[in-house]
Amino acid sequence: MFKVMRIYKGQLEGNEVNISQAAQACGLPNKTIRYYEEIGLVVPMRQQGNDYRIYSLGDVAQLQFLQRARAVGFSLDECRELLALYANPQRRCAQVRGLVNEKIIHVDQQLIALHAMRDTLVSMANECAGDGTSDCAIINQLAVVELSPPKRPSSMAFTLVDSPGDHSPGSDS
């Protein structure tokens, strides 16, 4: 029989919850939890007869782990690797630290790109007269046509760095 956990001030009571209760307990939308199931990050049991998802305390703990890992910027592939380490009692702290150090390097690269983007936007705003004329320096700079393969215009010395392996729907951190 399906046993319901009651949630009081963030605490779970019982051994199993449905998807709404799991979502409430871990702070993720139902849609995100279903997506994590679809890509194999969490695999809840199914109730016989109606195929409803049943989340154990371990599943909820994994979802909370995923929520925290995503909140600090780990991609889904990185989360998969972290979950494997989380589940492995033979893991080495050095492995986890290595992943975090790689993430720090990636974040530093993103910060450099964002600072360059900000500098470009400030430059564009400064070049614009901001008056009532139709000739706009910002529009003119964005509308530059290049016939050579796409590259960064010299005045836009940045490229946003995407997280590798990140294909989640929307922005479900």
Protein backbone atom coordinates (compact mmCIF):
# COMPACT_ATOMS: atom_id res chain seq x y z
CA MET A 1 0.00 0.00 0.00
CA PHE A 2 1.16 3.54 -0.75
CA LYS A 3 2.36 5.17 2.46
CA VAL A 4 2.28 8.98 2.48
CA MET A 5 4.96 11.06 4.20
CA ARG A 6 3.75 14.21 5.85
CA ILE A 7 5.92 17.27 5.50
CA TYR A 8 6.15 19.54 8.54
CA LYS A 9 8.46 22.54 8.35
CA GLY A 10 10.60 20.78 5.77
CA GLN A 11 10.69 17.45 7.59
CA LEU A 12 9.48 14.19 6.03
CA GLU A 13 7.50 11.67 8.00
CA GLY A 14 7.16 8.10 6.71
CA ASN A 15 9.12 6.14 4.13
CA GLU A 16 7.61 7.17 0.78
CA VAL A 17 6.29 10.32 -0.89
CA ASN A 18 4.61 11.22 -4.14
CA ILE A 19 6.17 13.64 -6.63
CA SER A 20 4.48 16.74 -5.18
CA GLN A 21 5.71 15.95 -1.70
CA ALA A 22 9.20 15.20 -3.02
CA ALA A 23 9.15 18.52 -4.90
CA GLN A 24 8.12 20.39 -1.77
CA ALA A 25 10.80 18.66 0.30
CA CYS A 26 13.64 19.42 -2.10
CA GLY A 27 12.53 22.74 -3.59
CA LEU A 28 12.39 21.57 -7.19
CA PRO A 29 9.43 21.82 -9.58
CA ASN A 30 7.62 18.58 -10.48
CA LYS A 31 8.65 19.10 -14.11
CA THR A 32 12.33 19.17 -13.14
CA ILE A 33 11.99 16.00 -11.08
CA ARG A 34 10.32 14.25 -14.02
CA TYR A 35 13.14 15.43 -16.28
CA TYR A 36 15.77 14.14 -13.84
CA GLU A 37 13.94 10.81 -13.90
CA GLU A 38 13.82 10.86 -17.72
CA ILE A 39 17.60 11.30 -17.96
CA GLY A 40 18.30 8.76 -15.22
CA LEU A 41 19.56 11.02 -12.42
CA VAL A 42 16.89 9.72 -10.06
CA VAL A 43 14.85 6.54 -10.49
CA PRO A 44 11.81 6.35 -8.21
CA MET A 45 9.82 3.19 -7.71
CA ARG A 46 6.44 2.90 -9.42
CA GLN A 47 3.27 1.94 -7.60
CA GLN A 48 1.76 -1.23 -9.01
CA GLY A 49 -1.63 -0.83 -10.60
CA ASN A 50 -1.45 2.88 -11.42
CA ASP A 51 2.25 3.53 -12.20
CA TYR A 52 2.46 6.54 -9.81
CA ARG A 53 5.98 7.54 -8.83
CA ILE A 54 6.97 6.65 -5.26
CA TYR A 55 9.97 8.53 -3.88
CA SER A 56 11.92 7.01 -0.99
CA LEU A 57 13.83 9.06 1.56
CA GLY A 58 16.96 8.18 -0.44
CA ASP A 59 15.37 9.55 -3.64
CA VAL A 60 14.46 12.78 -1.84
CA ALA A 61 18.03 13.03 -0.50
CA GLN A 62 19.34 12.61 -4.08
CA LEU A 63 16.96 15.33 -5.32
CA GLN A 64 18.14 17.67 -2.57
CA PHE A 65 21.74 16.85 -3.50
CA LEU A 66 20.96 17.65 -7.16
CA GLN A 67 19.21 20.89 -6.22
CA ARG A 68 22.24 22.06 -4.23
CA ALA A 69 24.72 20.96 -6.93
CA ARG A 70 22.74 22.78 -9.63
CA ALA A 71 22.43 25.87 -7.42
CA VAL A 72 26.23 26.20 -7.34
CA GLY A 73 26.50 25.78 -11.10
CA PHE A 74 27.24 22.13 -11.78
CA SER A 75 25.99 20.89 -15.16
CA LEU A 76 23.79 17.81 -15.42
CA ASP A 77 26.77 15.69 -16.51
CA GLU A 78 28.79 16.98 -13.58
CA CYS A 79 25.82 16.22 -11.29
CA ARG A 80 25.73 12.68 -12.64
CA GLU A 81 29.42 12.30 -11.78
CA LEU A 82 28.89 13.84 -8.32
CA LEU A 83 25.94 11.52 -7.66
CA ALA A 84 28.11 8.53 -8.54
CA LEU A 85 30.72 9.74 -6.07
CA TYR A 86 28.02 10.43 -3.46
CA ALA A 87 26.77 6.85 -3.80
CA ASN A 88 30.26 5.34 -3.75
CA PRO A 89 31.61 4.69 -0.25
CA GLN A 90 35.06 4.09 -1.83
CA ARG A 91 35.19 7.61 -3.28
CA ARG A 92 38.18 9.80 -2.60
CA CYS A 93 37.81 13.36 -1.44
CA ALA A 94 40.48 14.33 -3.96
CA GLN A 95 38.14 13.30 -6.81
CA VAL A 96 35.40 15.59 -5.53
CA ARG A 97 37.81 18.44 -4.92
CA GLY A 98 39.12 18.03 -8.47
CA LEU A 99 35.61 18.46 -9.85
CA VAL A 100 35.10 21.57 -7.75
CA ASN A 101 38.45 23.02 -8.85
CA GLU A 102 37.47 22.42 -12.51
CA LYS A 103 34.18 24.23 -11.83
CA ILE A 104 36.04 27.16 -10.28
CA ILE A 105 38.19 27.49 -13.42
CA HIS A 106 35.05 27.38 -15.57
CA VAL A 107 33.34 30.06 -13.42
CA ASP A 108 36.45 32.25 -13.64
CA GLN A 109 36.29 31.97 -17.46
CA GLN A 110 32.64 32.94 -17.40
CA LEU A 111 33.38 35.94 -15.17
CA ILE A 112 36.06 37.13 -17.60
CA ALA A 113 33.57 36.82 -20.47
CA LEU A 114 30.86 38.63 -18.51
CA HIS A 115 33.23 41.48 -17.59
CA ALA A 116 34.20 41.82 -21.26
CA MET A 117 30.51 41.84 -22.20
CA ARG A 118 29.81 44.54 -19.63
CA ASP A 119 32.73 46.64 -20.92
CA THR A 120 31.35 46.33 -24.47
CA LEU A 121 27.87 47.39 -23.35
CA VAL A 122 29.27 50.38 -21.44
CA SER A 123 31.29 51.38 -24.51
CA MET A 124 28.20 51.06 -26.72
CA ALA A 125 26.13 53.17 -24.32
CA ASN A 126 28.86 55.83 -24.18
CA GLU A 127 29.04 56.01 -27.98
CA CYS A 128 25.30 56.53 -28.31
CA ALA A 129 24.06 60.13 -28.38
CA GLY A 130 20.79 59.05 -26.76
CA ASP A 131 18.93 61.86 -28.46
CA GLY A 132 15.90 61.95 -30.73
CA THR A 133 17.75 61.18 -33.98
CA SER A 134 17.27 57.92 -35.82
CA ASP A 135 21.00 57.36 -36.33
CA CYS A 136 21.94 55.18 -33.38
CA ALA A 137 25.54 54.13 -32.74
CA ILE A 138 24.38 51.02 -30.84
CA ILE A 139 22.16 49.80 -33.69
CA ASN A 140 24.90 50.60 -36.20
CA GLN A 141 27.46 48.58 -34.24
CA LEU A 142 25.12 45.58 -33.86
CA ALA A 143 24.15 45.69 -37.54
CA VAL A 144 27.69 45.36 -38.92
CA VAL A 145 27.65 42.84 -41.79
CA GLU A 146 30.71 40.62 -42.09
CA LEU A 147 31.32 38.45 -45.14
CA SER A 148 34.09 36.37 -43.55
CA PRO A 149 33.34 33.47 -41.19
CA PRO A 150 31.76 34.63 -37.95
CA LYS A 151 34.22 35.93 -35.41
CA ARG A 152 34.03 38.35 -32.58
CA PRO A 153 34.07 41.99 -33.66
CA SER A 154 37.06 43.70 -32.08
CA SER A 155 34.71 45.89 -30.07
CA MET A 156 32.99 42.75 -28.68
CA ALA A 157 35.90 40.84 -27.24
CA PHE A 158 33.92 38.17 -25.43
CA THR A 159 32.28 34.84 -25.95
CA LEU A 160 29.90 33.39 -23.41
CA VAL A 161 31.06 30.05 -22.09
CA ASP A 162 28.34 27.41 -21.83
CA SER A 163 28.37 24.66 -19.23
CA PRO A 164 29.32 21.39 -20.92
CA GLY A 165 26.60 18.76 -20.89
CA ASP A 166 23.87 21.13 -19.79
CA HIS A 167 20.65 20.45 -21.65
CA SER A 168 17.99 20.92 -18.99
CA PRO A 169 14.65 22.51 -19.93
CA GLY A 170 14.30 26.12 -18.82
CA SER A 171 16.45 27.32 -15.98
CA ASP A 172 15.83 24.77 -13.27
CA SER A 173 18.78 25.26 -11.06
